[in-house]
Amino acid sequence: MLALIGLFTFFSVVDQLDQVGRGSFKLYHLFWLEFLALPTRLYDLLPIGLLIGAILGLAGLAQRHELVILRVSGVSGMKLLRMLWLSSIPVLVGALLLAEFLTPLAELKLSEAKLALRGDAGRSNILRSGYWFRETNAAGGLRVINVGALRGSQHAAVVTVYDFDQAQELKTLMLAQTATFESGKMELQQVMINTIHPLGDPNDPITPDTKPVEVHTEASREISTTLTPELLLARVLTPERMSFFNLFEYIQYLSDNHLTADRQIVAVWRKLIYPFTLLVMIAIAAPLGFVQTRKGGVGAKVFVGILLGVGFFMLNQLSLNIGMLNKWPAWVTAIVPNAFALAMAMIALLLMENRNAIALRMARFTGRKLPPPPPPRQAPT
């Protein structure tokens, strides 16, 4: 894990070196951002690191013939796999703590630091017009809030608030230079308020006294809102990086305002299945590690294991994208790739464990004679 994290951190630093010197962004700022990204990087690399570590450990046992001693003593391959799973319980507990507490907190601090140092949260999928939110206003109508830029967890700039009545007619348009969000309220600073009055009968003549729009400015105005600082940053956070509490709160907000929450629901299932993914990685490593090699072979096992781990990761991402496009149930996109990989690993392990019996049955079926076993080696005198 140290080698993987160091390697990917080095690549990330090299990739972002061109940003150093832009404005007030310094080299130590880049190092600080990379330090905050370490828990997220650990969360991403833990499955592949566990896979490589399991292969190295099992390959070492196989080279020293300790696995042979275990097998001769009556320990089956499935029992060895269960022993591996039991020994991985501390890793699973640490992964749960990492996924629920450390990673969401670090990702939140990382987004705040990026907003403060670079003016963005490092996400490329945000609209050029900013961040858009929708909620119900105090009159029972629709309120649409546009945030041009975030300035930390509670502060925003260039905020536009559209208030509609129940007939979906625009009644108030507020434009603020800055805004501060707290739980249950939003304070707008340097705000220009456009109040739209109904004209009544469209056939009535417009007189000089008619004011369809009344414009005035205020130093500050406080309005009630369901937006919280957590919901603001939820727009720039990857759903898998959020804690269960914040994720459920964001899903509830989207559902209350009739917005799509499919991506967030899939993220809930993927967070639930994350510990099972670690067990699947150990199951993938078991058939490779149980292969007996007289000399060397560890590098080849690690290489094959990395290929299998990358293939499994690509299968997970592919199922996520295909599921989102085809509106598959969230549990399908989260569980099916893991179940498929576990089934393949189990089949490979059983085939490896019973390969002699399978070869004997195949020889009987085809009528082919098996080669005689090698003569026993004589001890040196």
Foldseek 3Di string as FASTA:
>chain_A
DVVQLVVVLVVVLVVCVVVAPPPPRHSVLSVVLSVLCSLVVCLVCVQLVLLLVLLVVLQVCLQVCVVVVCVVVPQALVNVLVVVVVVCVVVLVVSLCSQAPSLLVSLLVSQLSCCQRPVGSPDDPADCQADWDWDAFPQRWIKIKGFNTDNHLFKTAFIWIWTAHNVRHTAKIKTAGMWGFAAFKIKGAFMKMKGADDPPDPPDDDDPVDDRIDIDTDGMDMGTDNDHSLLVCVVVDQLSSHHPVSLVVNVVSCVNRVHDCQRSVLSVLQSVCSSVSSSLSSLQSSLLSNDRDNDDPSVVSSVVSSVVVVVLVVQLVVLVVVCVVVVNDSNCSRVVSSVVSNVVSVVSSVCVRCVVVVVVVVCVVVVHDDDDDDDDDDDDD
